[in-house]
Amino acid sequence: MGIGLALITVLGLIFFAYFGTAVVGLNALFAIVFPYAAFIIFVLGFIYRIVKWGKSPVPYRIPTTAGQHYSSLWFKQNKIDNPSTAWGVALRMFFEVFTFRSLFRNTKAELLQGRLYVGSSKWLWLGAIAFHYSFLVIFLRHMRFFTPETPWVIDTIESLDSFLQVHILGSPLLYITNLTILAALLYLLGRRILDPKIKYISLPSDYFPLFLILGIITTGILMRYFFKVDVTAIKELTLGLVYFKPVVPKGIGSLFYIHLFLVSILFAYFPFSKLMHMGGVFLSPTRNLANNNRMERHVNPWEYPVKHRHYEEYEDEFREKMKKAGIPVEKE
């Protein structure tokens, strides 16, 4: 049910963009209005989620620990997986953000022929890191459309990304990240569909971003390798959006408007979805706090004072009732 709903929604968005541009001719709506609206929603939504999370009280230190803590000199502390200082937390966050360290350490448990097997889950880590870094490189490559002159950094990234095509096949057309992100997306999607346990807990909100990004990547590949588009006109459009002087050049084609509309939907959907873990990881108390509970005492600042009663006071008040009920008392 969740798979079908997510797929139908994405296909409906594609049809909506095609009908709106190829049939009705509302090119300005899809080229100007929707991108601006999506960007505003993305920025405001991102700020709203970060501020909301930042205001959430964290009265106790609850860092996730995955190694030896700081205790005695003869025990070697795991300073990355169980940091006790701010520098240790920074190092842990660095590896978490750039190498997905906790996902790399992840294990899976399966029941095979009545026996429990616990093993590595490196394929998920590989698929996730291939997807994220491929997406990052593709995003950076697209920055050439938003600057009058392409920065040398973008040219360098583009040259490295097309290394195989330039030096082996002889034509600078094939980008490595186009292949890796497509393979990673298909793996992550197939994992949710084919694994019964993951499929059981998956919701439409888990499938929708995968289908949406798959639609973006597919339309981008189609424009790159199969259906040529006017790159000059596209850059004229994007520069107009950047400098707030939008124009809608002729001859771009509906395929580009579909691609742009899906990207706009992704931007608008991002702050209100699970994709927001990009910003949330920095505010997670399980990751950004040092495990120094044995070194420092942490008092809940929201804990109001409570008057404690000693047992003697309790017994003095209820002694007669306790005797009638047959409950032994210390003082007769």
C-alpha atoms as a PDB file:
ATOM      1  CA  MET A   1       0.000   0.000   0.000  1.00  0.00           C
ATOM      2  CA  GLY A   2       2.775   2.436   0.951  1.00  0.00           C
ATOM      3  CA  ILE A   3       4.805   1.622  -2.159  1.00  0.00           C
ATOM      4  CA  GLY A   4       1.870   2.132  -4.512  1.00  0.00           C
ATOM      5  CA  LEU A   5       0.788   5.388  -2.901  1.00  0.00           C
ATOM      6  CA  ALA A   6       4.294   6.870  -3.066  1.00  0.00           C
ATOM      7  CA  LEU A   7       4.814   5.743  -6.665  1.00  0.00           C
ATOM      8  CA  ILE A   8       1.426   7.053  -7.809  1.00  0.00           C
ATOM      9  CA  THR A   9       2.117  10.389  -6.099  1.00  0.00           C
ATOM     10  CA  VAL A  10       5.437  10.834  -7.905  1.00  0.00           C
ATOM     11  CA  LEU A  11       3.951   9.763 -11.243  1.00  0.00           C
ATOM     12  CA  GLY A  12       1.120  12.231 -10.637  1.00  0.00           C
ATOM     13  CA  LEU A  13       3.619  15.026 -10.054  1.00  0.00           C
ATOM     14  CA  ILE A  14       5.391  14.123 -13.302  1.00  0.00           C
ATOM     15  CA  PHE A  15       2.128  14.128 -15.229  1.00  0.00           C
ATOM     16  CA  PHE A  16       1.111  17.425 -13.604  1.00  0.00           C
ATOM     17  CA  ALA A  17       4.354  19.083 -14.727  1.00  0.00           C
ATOM     18  CA  TYR A  18       4.066  17.652 -18.238  1.00  0.00           C
ATOM     19  CA  PHE A  19       0.427  18.683 -18.606  1.00  0.00           C
ATOM     20  CA  GLY A  20       1.092  22.145 -17.204  1.00  0.00           C
ATOM     21  CA  THR A  21       3.947  22.882 -19.605  1.00  0.00           C
ATOM     22  CA  ALA A  22       3.401  20.808 -22.747  1.00  0.00           C
ATOM     23  CA  VAL A  23      -0.409  21.091 -22.898  1.00  0.00           C
ATOM     24  CA  VAL A  24      -1.475  24.203 -20.988  1.00  0.00           C
ATOM     25  CA  GLY A  25       1.753  26.151 -21.507  1.00  0.00           C
ATOM     26  CA  LEU A  26       2.225  27.432 -17.967  1.00  0.00           C
ATOM     27  CA  ASN A  27       5.982  27.532 -18.337  1.00  0.00           C
ATOM     28  CA  ALA A  28       6.418  30.607 -16.135  1.00  0.00           C
ATOM     29  CA  LEU A  29       4.590  28.880 -13.279  1.00  0.00           C
ATOM     30  CA  PHE A  30       6.959  25.908 -13.312  1.00  0.00           C
ATOM     31  CA  ALA A  31      10.100  27.883 -14.180  1.00  0.00           C
ATOM     32  CA  ILE A  32       9.699  30.827 -11.785  1.00  0.00           C
ATOM     33  CA  VAL A  33       6.852  30.566  -9.265  1.00  0.00           C
ATOM     34  CA  PHE A  34       7.374  26.987  -8.072  1.00  0.00           C
ATOM     35  CA  PRO A  35      11.187  27.251  -7.684  1.00  0.00           C
ATOM     36  CA  TYR A  36      10.943  30.503  -5.723  1.00  0.00           C
ATOM     37  CA  ALA A  37       8.149  29.113  -3.526  1.00  0.00           C
ATOM     38  CA  ALA A  38      10.070  25.879  -2.908  1.00  0.00           C
ATOM     39  CA  PHE A  39      13.218  27.759  -1.935  1.00  0.00           C
ATOM     40  CA  ILE A  40      11.328  29.985   0.520  1.00  0.00           C
ATOM     41  CA  ILE A  41       9.592  26.973   2.083  1.00  0.00           C
ATOM     42  CA  PHE A  42      12.926  25.165   2.334  1.00  0.00           C
ATOM     43  CA  VAL A  43      14.710  28.037   4.100  1.00  0.00           C
ATOM     44  CA  LEU A  44      11.867  28.899   6.481  1.00  0.00           C
ATOM     45  CA  GLY A  45      11.096  25.246   7.184  1.00  0.00           C
ATOM     46  CA  PHE A  46      14.753  24.436   7.840  1.00  0.00           C
ATOM     47  CA  ILE A  47      15.099  27.352  10.249  1.00  0.00           C
ATOM     48  CA  TYR A  48      11.839  26.414  11.986  1.00  0.00           C
ATOM     49  CA  ARG A  49      12.909  22.812  12.574  1.00  0.00           C
ATOM     50  CA  ILE A  50      16.370  23.797  13.825  1.00  0.00           C
ATOM     51  CA  VAL A  51      14.969  26.432  16.213  1.00  0.00           C
ATOM     52  CA  LYS A  52      12.326  24.009  17.470  1.00  0.00           C
ATOM     53  CA  TRP A  53      14.903  21.309  18.137  1.00  0.00           C
ATOM     54  CA  GLY A  54      17.252  23.846  19.699  1.00  0.00           C
ATOM     55  CA  LYS A  55      14.555  24.870  22.194  1.00  0.00           C
ATOM     56  CA  SER A  56      13.872  21.283  23.222  1.00  0.00           C
ATOM     57  CA  PRO A  57      15.097  20.728  26.805  1.00  0.00           C
ATOM     58  CA  VAL A  58      17.859  18.188  27.338  1.00  0.00           C
ATOM     59  CA  PRO A  59      17.977  17.910  31.152  1.00  0.00           C
ATOM     60  CA  TYR A  60      20.180  14.809  31.239  1.00  0.00           C
ATOM     61  CA  ARG A  61      23.167  13.590  29.274  1.00  0.00           C
ATOM     62  CA  ILE A  62      22.118  10.646  27.134  1.00  0.00           C
ATOM     63  CA  PRO A  63      24.987  10.073  24.674  1.00  0.00           C
ATOM     64  CA  THR A  64      25.040   6.771  22.851  1.00  0.00           C
ATOM     65  CA  THR A  65      28.078   4.834  23.984  1.00  0.00           C
ATOM     66  CA  ALA A  66      29.802   2.164  21.925  1.00  0.00           C
ATOM     67  CA  GLY A  67      33.158   1.670  23.616  1.00  0.00           C
ATOM     68  CA  GLN A  68      35.166   1.855  26.829  1.00  0.00           C
ATOM     69  CA  HIS A  69      34.473   4.972  28.865  1.00  0.00           C
ATOM     70  CA  TYR A  70      37.006   7.052  30.750  1.00  0.00           C
ATOM     71  CA  SER A  71      37.444   5.332  34.089  1.00  0.00           C
ATOM     72  CA  SER A  72      40.945   4.351  35.185  1.00  0.00           C
ATOM     73  CA  LEU A  73      44.432   4.877  33.826  1.00  0.00           C
ATOM     74  CA  TRP A  74      44.922   1.194  33.066  1.00  0.00           C
ATOM     75  CA  PHE A  75      41.799   1.073  30.858  1.00  0.00           C
ATOM     76  CA  LYS A  76      42.180   2.494  27.353  1.00  0.00           C
ATOM     77  CA  GLN A  77      39.305   4.847  26.614  1.00  0.00           C
ATOM     78  CA  ASN A  78      37.576   4.787  23.215  1.00  0.00           C
ATOM     79  CA  LYS A  79      37.694   8.529  22.614  1.00  0.00           C
ATOM     80  CA  ILE A  80      35.637   8.416  19.401  1.00  0.00           C
ATOM     81  CA  ASP A  81      32.761   6.135  20.379  1.00  0.00           C
ATOM     82  CA  ASN A  82      32.672   7.222  24.020  1.00  0.00           C
ATOM     83  CA  PRO A  83      34.073  10.769  24.221  1.00  0.00           C
ATOM     84  CA  SER A  84      34.433  12.532  27.561  1.00  0.00           C
ATOM     85  CA  THR A  85      35.646  15.921  26.240  1.00  0.00           C
ATOM     86  CA  ALA A  86      34.419  18.512  23.756  1.00  0.00           C
ATOM     87  CA  TRP A  87      37.268  17.653  21.358  1.00  0.00           C
ATOM     88  CA  GLY A  88      36.257  14.010  21.528  1.00  0.00           C
ATOM     89  CA  VAL A  89      32.679  14.953  20.675  1.00  0.00           C
ATOM     90  CA  ALA A  90      33.891  17.041  17.730  1.00  0.00           C
ATOM     91  CA  LEU A  91      35.932  14.087  16.456  1.00  0.00           C
ATOM     92  CA  ARG A  92      32.980  11.769  16.867  1.00  0.00           C
ATOM     93  CA  MET A  93      30.686  14.157  14.986  1.00  0.00           C
ATOM     94  CA  PHE A  94      33.249  14.503  12.205  1.00  0.00           C
ATOM     95  CA  PHE A  95      33.378  10.752  11.584  1.00  0.00           C
ATOM     96  CA  GLU A  96      29.609  10.496  11.981  1.00  0.00           C
ATOM     97  CA  VAL A  97      28.896  13.164   9.374  1.00  0.00           C
ATOM     98  CA  PHE A  98      31.591  12.351   6.833  1.00  0.00           C
ATOM     99  CA  THR A  99      31.966   8.567   7.165  1.00  0.00           C
ATOM    100  CA  PHE A 100      28.658   7.411   8.743  1.00  0.00           C
ATOM    101  CA  ARG A 101      30.658   5.670  11.464  1.00  0.00           C
ATOM    102  CA  SER A 102      27.688   4.433  13.502  1.00  0.00           C
ATOM    103  CA  LEU A 103      26.106   2.940  10.386  1.00  0.00           C
ATOM    104  CA  PHE A 104      29.425   1.280   9.511  1.00  0.00           C
ATOM    105  CA  ARG A 105      29.443  -0.373  12.942  1.00  0.00           C
ATOM    106  CA  ASN A 106      25.842  -1.506  12.530  1.00  0.00           C
ATOM    107  CA  THR A 107      25.043  -5.200  12.775  1.00  0.00           C
ATOM    108  CA  LYS A 108      22.041  -7.255  11.735  1.00  0.00           C
ATOM    109  CA  ALA A 109      20.417 -10.253  13.394  1.00  0.00           C
ATOM    110  CA  GLU A 110      18.650 -12.990  11.456  1.00  0.00           C
ATOM    111  CA  LEU A 111      16.910 -16.186  12.495  1.00  0.00           C
ATOM    112  CA  LEU A 112      17.977 -18.964  10.102  1.00  0.00           C
ATOM    113  CA  GLN A 113      16.805 -22.540  10.612  1.00  0.00           C
ATOM    114  CA  GLY A 114      15.950 -21.869  14.228  1.00  0.00           C
ATOM    115  CA  ARG A 115      19.321 -20.317  15.083  1.00  0.00           C
ATOM    116  CA  LEU A 116      20.117 -16.653  15.668  1.00  0.00           C
ATOM    117  CA  TYR A 117      22.921 -15.247  13.536  1.00  0.00           C
ATOM    118  CA  VAL A 118      24.461 -11.820  14.125  1.00  0.00           C
ATOM    119  CA  GLY A 119      26.589 -10.404  11.334  1.00  0.00           C
ATOM    120  CA  SER A 120      27.825  -7.322   9.576  1.00  0.00           C
ATOM    121  CA  SER A 121      25.571  -4.894   7.728  1.00  0.00           C
ATOM    122  CA  LYS A 122      28.149  -3.163   5.545  1.00  0.00           C
ATOM    123  CA  TRP A 123      26.041  -3.184   2.372  1.00  0.00           C
ATOM    124  CA  LEU A 124      23.644  -0.667   3.903  1.00  0.00           C
ATOM    125  CA  TRP A 125      26.573   1.564   4.849  1.00  0.00           C
ATOM    126  CA  LEU A 126      28.033   1.292   1.349  1.00  0.00           C
ATOM    127  CA  GLY A 127      24.704   2.108  -0.306  1.00  0.00           C
ATOM    128  CA  ALA A 128      24.089   5.070   2.002  1.00  0.00           C
ATOM    129  CA  ILE A 129      27.536   6.607   1.630  1.00  0.00           C
ATOM    130  CA  ALA A 130      27.540   6.075  -2.160  1.00  0.00           C
ATOM    131  CA  PHE A 131      24.170   7.804  -2.412  1.00  0.00           C
ATOM    132  CA  HIS A 132      25.039  10.779  -0.220  1.00  0.00           C
ATOM    133  CA  TYR A 133      28.425  11.513  -1.744  1.00  0.00           C
ATOM    134  CA  SER A 134      27.114  11.044  -5.281  1.00  0.00           C
ATOM    135  CA  PHE A 135      24.271  13.438  -4.498  1.00  0.00           C
ATOM    136  CA  LEU A 136      26.773  15.953  -3.100  1.00  0.00           C
ATOM    137  CA  VAL A 137      28.966  15.804  -6.201  1.00  0.00           C
ATOM    138  CA  ILE A 138      25.962  16.153  -8.519  1.00  0.00           C
ATOM    139  CA  PHE A 139      24.727  19.117  -6.483  1.00  0.00           C
ATOM    140  CA  LEU A 140      28.134  20.799  -6.744  1.00  0.00           C
ATOM    141  CA  ARG A 141      28.335  20.110 -10.480  1.00  0.00           C
ATOM    142  CA  HIS A 142      25.017  21.877 -10.969  1.00  0.00           C
ATOM    143  CA  MET A 143      26.454  25.045  -9.421  1.00  0.00           C
ATOM    144  CA  ARG A 144      27.861  25.871 -12.882  1.00  0.00           C
ATOM    145  CA  PHE A 145      24.320  26.844 -13.893  1.00  0.00           C
ATOM    146  CA  PHE A 146      24.073  29.444 -11.118  1.00  0.00           C
ATOM    147  CA  THR A 147      27.302  31.358 -11.746  1.00  0.00           C
ATOM    148  CA  PRO A 148      28.190  33.480 -14.800  1.00  0.00           C
ATOM    149  CA  GLU A 149      31.589  31.806 -14.995  1.00  0.00           C
ATOM    150  CA  THR A 150      32.210  28.272 -13.790  1.00  0.00           C
ATOM    151  CA  PRO A 151      34.575  28.250 -10.774  1.00  0.00           C
ATOM    152  CA  TRP A 152      37.717  26.162 -11.127  1.00  0.00           C
ATOM    153  CA  VAL A 153      36.607  23.992  -8.215  1.00  0.00           C
ATOM    154  CA  ILE A 154      33.490  22.921 -10.114  1.00  0.00           C
ATOM    155  CA  ASP A 155      35.571  22.277 -13.247  1.00  0.00           C
ATOM    156  CA  THR A 156      37.925  20.093 -11.205  1.00  0.00           C
ATOM    157  CA  ILE A 157      35.059  18.123  -9.665  1.00  0.00           C
ATOM    158  CA  GLU A 158      33.491  17.655 -13.085  1.00  0.00           C
ATOM    159  CA  SER A 159      36.784  16.451 -14.586  1.00  0.00           C
ATOM    160  CA  LEU A 160      37.318  13.922 -11.797  1.00  0.00           C
ATOM    161  CA  ASP A 161      33.716  12.757 -12.042  1.00  0.00           C
ATOM    162  CA  SER A 162      34.073  12.093 -15.776  1.00  0.00           C
ATOM    163  CA  PHE A 163      37.511  10.496 -15.423  1.00  0.00           C
ATOM    164  CA  LEU A 164      36.538   7.125 -16.896  1.00  0.00           C
ATOM    165  CA  GLN A 165      34.894   8.608 -19.963  1.00  0.00           C
ATOM    166  CA  VAL A 166      37.698  11.053 -20.698  1.00  0.00           C
ATOM    167  CA  HIS A 167      40.634   8.715 -20.214  1.00  0.00           C
ATOM    168  CA  ILE A 168      39.140   5.388 -21.258  1.00  0.00           C
ATOM    169  CA  LEU A 169      36.242   5.904 -23.643  1.00  0.00           C
ATOM    170  CA  GLY A 170      37.400   9.176 -25.126  1.00  0.00           C
ATOM    171  CA  SER A 171      34.236  11.249 -24.804  1.00  0.00           C
ATOM    172  CA  PRO A 172      33.563  13.424 -21.694  1.00  0.00           C
ATOM    173  CA  LEU A 173      29.898  12.495 -21.374  1.00  0.00           C
ATOM    174  CA  LEU A 174      29.629   9.829 -18.704  1.00  0.00           C
ATOM    175  CA  TYR A 175      29.683  10.900 -15.054  1.00  0.00           C
ATOM    176  CA  ILE A 176      30.596   8.267 -12.483  1.00  0.00           C
ATOM    177  CA  THR A 177      28.187   9.701  -9.917  1.00  0.00           C
ATOM    178  CA  ASN A 178      25.261   9.237 -12.320  1.00  0.00           C
ATOM    179  CA  LEU A 179      25.886   5.506 -12.175  1.00  0.00           C
ATOM    180  CA  THR A 180      26.664   5.268  -8.460  1.00  0.00           C
ATOM    181  CA  ILE A 181      23.650   7.263  -7.305  1.00  0.00           C
ATOM    182  CA  LEU A 182      21.333   5.250  -9.532  1.00  0.00           C
ATOM    183  CA  ALA A 183      22.766   1.963  -8.231  1.00  0.00           C
ATOM    184  CA  ALA A 184      22.585   3.189  -4.613  1.00  0.00           C
ATOM    185  CA  LEU A 185      18.994   4.371  -5.022  1.00  0.00           C
ATOM    186  CA  LEU A 186      17.904   1.063  -6.535  1.00  0.00           C
ATOM    187  CA  TYR A 187      19.620  -0.801  -3.707  1.00  0.00           C
ATOM    188  CA  LEU A 188      18.000   1.319  -0.964  1.00  0.00           C
ATOM    189  CA  LEU A 189      14.615   1.027  -2.649  1.00  0.00           C
ATOM    190  CA  GLY A 190      14.973  -2.699  -3.300  1.00  0.00           C
ATOM    191  CA  ARG A 191      16.018  -3.239   0.309  1.00  0.00           C
ATOM    192  CA  ARG A 192      12.775  -1.696   1.532  1.00  0.00           C
ATOM    193  CA  ILE A 193      10.677  -3.663  -0.954  1.00  0.00           C
ATOM    194  CA  LEU A 194      12.327  -7.096  -0.787  1.00  0.00           C
ATOM    195  CA  ASP A 195      13.240  -7.360   2.910  1.00  0.00           C
ATOM    196  CA  PRO A 196      10.028  -8.439   4.726  1.00  0.00           C
ATOM    197  CA  LYS A 197      11.095  -6.954   8.081  1.00  0.00           C
ATOM    198  CA  ILE A 198      11.947  -3.544   6.633  1.00  0.00           C
ATOM    199  CA  LYS A 199       8.903  -3.556   4.376  1.00  0.00           C
ATOM    200  CA  TYR A 200       6.660  -4.223   7.381  1.00  0.00           C
ATOM    201  CA  ILE A 201       7.807  -1.071   9.212  1.00  0.00           C
ATOM    202  CA  SER A 202       8.068   1.151   6.109  1.00  0.00           C
ATOM    203  CA  LEU A 203       5.553   3.939   5.530  1.00  0.00           C
ATOM    204  CA  PRO A 204       4.677   5.963   2.405  1.00  0.00           C
ATOM    205  CA  SER A 205       6.959   8.694   3.795  1.00  0.00           C
ATOM    206  CA  ASP A 206       9.864   6.235   3.514  1.00  0.00           C
ATOM    207  CA  TYR A 207       9.192   5.391  -0.148  1.00  0.00           C
ATOM    208  CA  PHE A 208       8.184   8.843  -1.396  1.00  0.00           C
ATOM    209  CA  PRO A 209      11.608  10.563  -1.189  1.00  0.00           C
ATOM    210  CA  LEU A 210      13.266   7.547  -2.822  1.00  0.00           C
ATOM    211  CA  PHE A 211      10.842   7.604  -5.761  1.00  0.00           C
ATOM    212  CA  LEU A 212      11.065  11.393  -5.935  1.00  0.00           C
ATOM    213  CA  ILE A 213      14.872  11.424  -6.085  1.00  0.00           C
ATOM    214  CA  LEU A 214      14.763   8.522  -8.540  1.00  0.00           C
ATOM    215  CA  GLY A 215      12.523  10.640 -10.762  1.00  0.00           C
ATOM    216  CA  ILE A 216      14.958  13.556 -10.515  1.00  0.00           C
ATOM    217  CA  ILE A 217      17.945  11.373 -11.379  1.00  0.00           C
ATOM    218  CA  THR A 218      16.108   9.631 -14.223  1.00  0.00           C
ATOM    219  CA  THR A 219      14.979  12.869 -15.876  1.00  0.00           C
ATOM    220  CA  GLY A 220      18.488  14.270 -15.462  1.00  0.00           C
ATOM    221  CA  ILE A 221      20.036  11.214 -17.137  1.00  0.00           C
ATOM    222  CA  LEU A 222      17.479  11.398 -19.945  1.00  0.00           C
ATOM    223  CA  MET A 223      18.383  15.032 -20.598  1.00  0.00           C
ATOM    224  CA  ARG A 224      22.095  14.290 -20.403  1.00  0.00           C
ATOM    225  CA  TYR A 225      22.346  11.216 -22.639  1.00  0.00           C
ATOM    226  CA  PHE A 226      19.154  10.715 -24.650  1.00  0.00           C
ATOM    227  CA  PHE A 227      17.098  13.881 -25.166  1.00  0.00           C
ATOM    228  CA  LYS A 228      19.300  16.912 -25.673  1.00  0.00           C
ATOM    229  CA  VAL A 229      18.170  20.197 -24.169  1.00  0.00           C
ATOM    230  CA  ASP A 230      19.310  23.756 -24.729  1.00  0.00           C
ATOM    231  CA  VAL A 231      21.888  24.202 -21.942  1.00  0.00           C
ATOM    232  CA  THR A 232      22.376  27.869 -22.810  1.00  0.00           C
ATOM    233  CA  ALA A 233      18.668  28.574 -22.344  1.00  0.00           C
ATOM    234  CA  ILE A 234      18.653  26.659 -19.070  1.00  0.00           C
ATOM    235  CA  LYS A 235      21.569  28.698 -17.740  1.00  0.00           C
ATOM    236  CA  GLU A 236      19.818  31.882 -18.798  1.00  0.00           C
ATOM    237  CA  LEU A 237      16.815  30.778 -16.764  1.00  0.00           C
ATOM    238  CA  THR A 238      18.829  29.832 -13.663  1.00  0.00           C
ATOM    239  CA  LEU A 239      20.897  33.024 -13.713  1.00  0.00           C
ATOM    240  CA  GLY A 240      17.701  35.022 -14.009  1.00  0.00           C
ATOM    241  CA  LEU A 241      16.370  33.259 -10.907  1.00  0.00           C
ATOM    242  CA  VAL A 242      19.588  33.940  -8.992  1.00  0.00           C
ATOM    243  CA  TYR A 243      19.666  37.654  -9.829  1.00  0.00           C
ATOM    244  CA  PHE A 244      15.891  38.060  -9.356  1.00  0.00           C
ATOM    245  CA  LYS A 245      15.419  38.898 -13.015  1.00  0.00           C
ATOM    246  CA  PRO A 246      13.611  35.765 -14.128  1.00  0.00           C
ATOM    247  CA  VAL A 247      13.000  35.098 -17.793  1.00  0.00           C
ATOM    248  CA  VAL A 248      11.547  32.047 -19.490  1.00  0.00           C
ATOM    249  CA  PRO A 249      13.560  31.249 -22.629  1.00  0.00           C
ATOM    250  CA  LYS A 250      11.905  29.389 -25.451  1.00  0.00           C
ATOM    251  CA  GLY A 251      12.750  25.880 -26.535  1.00  0.00           C
ATOM    252  CA  ILE A 252      13.747  24.378 -23.200  1.00  0.00           C
ATOM    253  CA  GLY A 253      11.330  21.462 -23.368  1.00  0.00           C
ATOM    254  CA  SER A 254       8.916  19.801 -20.955  1.00  0.00           C
ATOM    255  CA  LEU A 255      11.483  17.250 -19.746  1.00  0.00           C
ATOM    256  CA  PHE A 256      13.497  20.002 -18.087  1.00  0.00           C
ATOM    257  CA  TYR A 257      10.381  21.488 -16.479  1.00  0.00           C
ATOM    258  CA  ILE A 258       9.519  18.051 -15.065  1.00  0.00           C
ATOM    259  CA  HIS A 259      13.035  17.790 -13.684  1.00  0.00           C
ATOM    260  CA  LEU A 260      12.882  21.292 -12.192  1.00  0.00           C
ATOM    261  CA  PHE A 261       9.427  20.710 -10.706  1.00  0.00           C
ATOM    262  CA  LEU A 262      10.546  17.476  -8.986  1.00  0.00           C
ATOM    263  CA  VAL A 263      13.564  19.299  -7.571  1.00  0.00           C
ATOM    264  CA  SER A 264      11.238  22.039  -6.290  1.00  0.00           C
ATOM    265  CA  ILE A 265       9.027  19.434  -4.624  1.00  0.00           C
ATOM    266  CA  LEU A 266      12.097  17.888  -2.983  1.00  0.00           C
ATOM    267  CA  PHE A 267      13.198  21.281  -1.628  1.00  0.00           C
ATOM    268  CA  ALA A 268       9.745  22.069  -0.241  1.00  0.00           C
ATOM    269  CA  TYR A 269       9.319  18.572   1.219  1.00  0.00           C
ATOM    270  CA  PHE A 270      12.798  18.400   2.752  1.00  0.00           C
ATOM    271  CA  PRO A 271      12.318  20.310   6.067  1.00  0.00           C
ATOM    272  CA  PHE A 272       9.192  18.339   6.987  1.00  0.00           C
ATOM    273  CA  SER A 273      10.501  14.853   6.234  1.00  0.00           C
ATOM    274  CA  LYS A 274      13.045  12.367   7.530  1.00  0.00           C
ATOM    275  CA  LEU A 275      15.536  13.926   5.134  1.00  0.00           C
ATOM    276  CA  MET A 276      15.933  16.631   7.766  1.00  0.00           C
ATOM    277  CA  HIS A 277      18.408  14.353   9.545  1.00  0.00           C
ATOM    278  CA  MET A 278      20.982  16.375   7.599  1.00  0.00           C
ATOM    279  CA  GLY A 279      20.510  19.183  10.126  1.00  0.00           C
ATOM    280  CA  GLY A 280      19.164  17.157  13.004  1.00  0.00           C
ATOM    281  CA  VAL A 281      22.310  15.070  13.458  1.00  0.00           C
ATOM    282  CA  PHE A 282      24.098  18.124  14.868  1.00  0.00           C
ATOM    283  CA  LEU A 283      21.389  18.618  17.513  1.00  0.00           C
ATOM    284  CA  SER A 284      21.049  14.996  18.593  1.00  0.00           C
ATOM    285  CA  PRO A 285      21.914  14.656  22.322  1.00  0.00           C
ATOM    286  CA  THR A 286      22.922  11.053  21.682  1.00  0.00           C
ATOM    287  CA  ARG A 287      25.769  12.355  19.491  1.00  0.00           C
ATOM    288  CA  ASN A 288      26.693  15.898  20.543  1.00  0.00           C
ATOM    289  CA  LEU A 289      27.178  15.367  24.294  1.00  0.00           C
ATOM    290  CA  ALA A 290      30.256  14.132  26.138  1.00  0.00           C
ATOM    291  CA  ASN A 291      29.883  11.091  28.353  1.00  0.00           C
ATOM    292  CA  ASN A 292      31.319  12.583  31.536  1.00  0.00           C
ATOM    293  CA  ASN A 293      28.567  11.560  33.941  1.00  0.00           C
ATOM    294  CA  ARG A 294      31.090   9.937  36.284  1.00  0.00           C
ATOM    295  CA  MET A 295      33.382  12.958  36.178  1.00  0.00           C
ATOM    296  CA  GLU A 296      30.815  15.726  36.671  1.00  0.00           C
ATOM    297  CA  ARG A 297      27.444  15.880  38.332  1.00  0.00           C
ATOM    298  CA  HIS A 298      24.679  17.063  36.013  1.00  0.00           C
ATOM    299  CA  VAL A 299      21.592  18.450  37.708  1.00  0.00           C
ATOM    300  CA  ASN A 300      18.312  18.851  35.865  1.00  0.00           C
ATOM    301  CA  PRO A 301      17.719  22.641  35.801  1.00  0.00           C
ATOM    302  CA  TRP A 302      13.966  22.100  35.342  1.00  0.00           C
ATOM    303  CA  GLU A 303      13.648  19.845  38.398  1.00  0.00           C
ATOM    304  CA  TYR A 304      11.567  21.617  41.035  1.00  0.00           C
ATOM    305  CA  PRO A 305      12.384  21.102  44.765  1.00  0.00           C
ATOM    306  CA  VAL A 306      10.524  18.238  46.360  1.00  0.00           C
ATOM    307  CA  LYS A 307      10.089  17.858  50.132  1.00  0.00           C
ATOM    308  CA  HIS A 308      11.340  14.423  51.086  1.00  0.00           C
ATOM    309  CA  ARG A 309       9.859  12.543  54.041  1.00  0.00           C
ATOM    310  CA  HIS A 310      11.877  10.189  56.201  1.00  0.00           C
ATOM    311  CA  TYR A 311      10.394   6.894  57.252  1.00  0.00           C
ATOM    312  CA  GLU A 312      10.172   8.015  60.839  1.00  0.00           C
ATOM    313  CA  GLU A 313       7.912  10.903  59.829  1.00  0.00           C
ATOM    314  CA  TYR A 314       5.792   8.566  57.731  1.00  0.00           C
ATOM    315  CA  GLU A 315       5.414   6.097  60.571  1.00  0.00           C
ATOM    316  CA  ASP A 316       4.575   8.814  63.074  1.00  0.00           C
ATOM    317  CA  GLU A 317       1.683   9.912  60.869  1.00  0.00           C
ATOM    318  CA  PHE A 318       0.274   6.480  60.025  1.00  0.00           C
ATOM    319  CA  ARG A 319       1.381   4.348  63.019  1.00  0.00           C
ATOM    320  CA  GLU A 320      -2.090   3.621  64.376  1.00  0.00           C
ATOM    321  CA  LYS A 321      -3.476   2.751  60.962  1.00  0.00           C
ATOM    322  CA  MET A 322      -0.478   0.510  60.308  1.00  0.00           C
ATOM    323  CA  LYS A 323      -1.070  -1.348  63.570  1.00  0.00           C
ATOM    324  CA  LYS A 324      -4.728  -1.901  62.714  1.00  0.00           C
ATOM    325  CA  ALA A 325      -3.749  -3.229  59.321  1.00  0.00           C
ATOM    326  CA  GLY A 326      -1.198  -5.612  60.876  1.00  0.00           C
ATOM    327  CA  ILE A 327       1.806  -3.826  59.381  1.00  0.00           C
ATOM    328  CA  PRO A 328       4.842  -4.033  61.681  1.00  0.00           C
ATOM    329  CA  VAL A 329       6.158  -0.741  63.043  1.00  0.00           C
ATOM    330  CA  GLU A 330       9.507   0.203  64.509  1.00  0.00           C
ATOM    331  CA  LYS A 331       8.124   2.269  67.389  1.00  0.00           C
ATOM    332  CA  GLU A 332       5.246   1.055  69.582  1.00  0.00           C
END
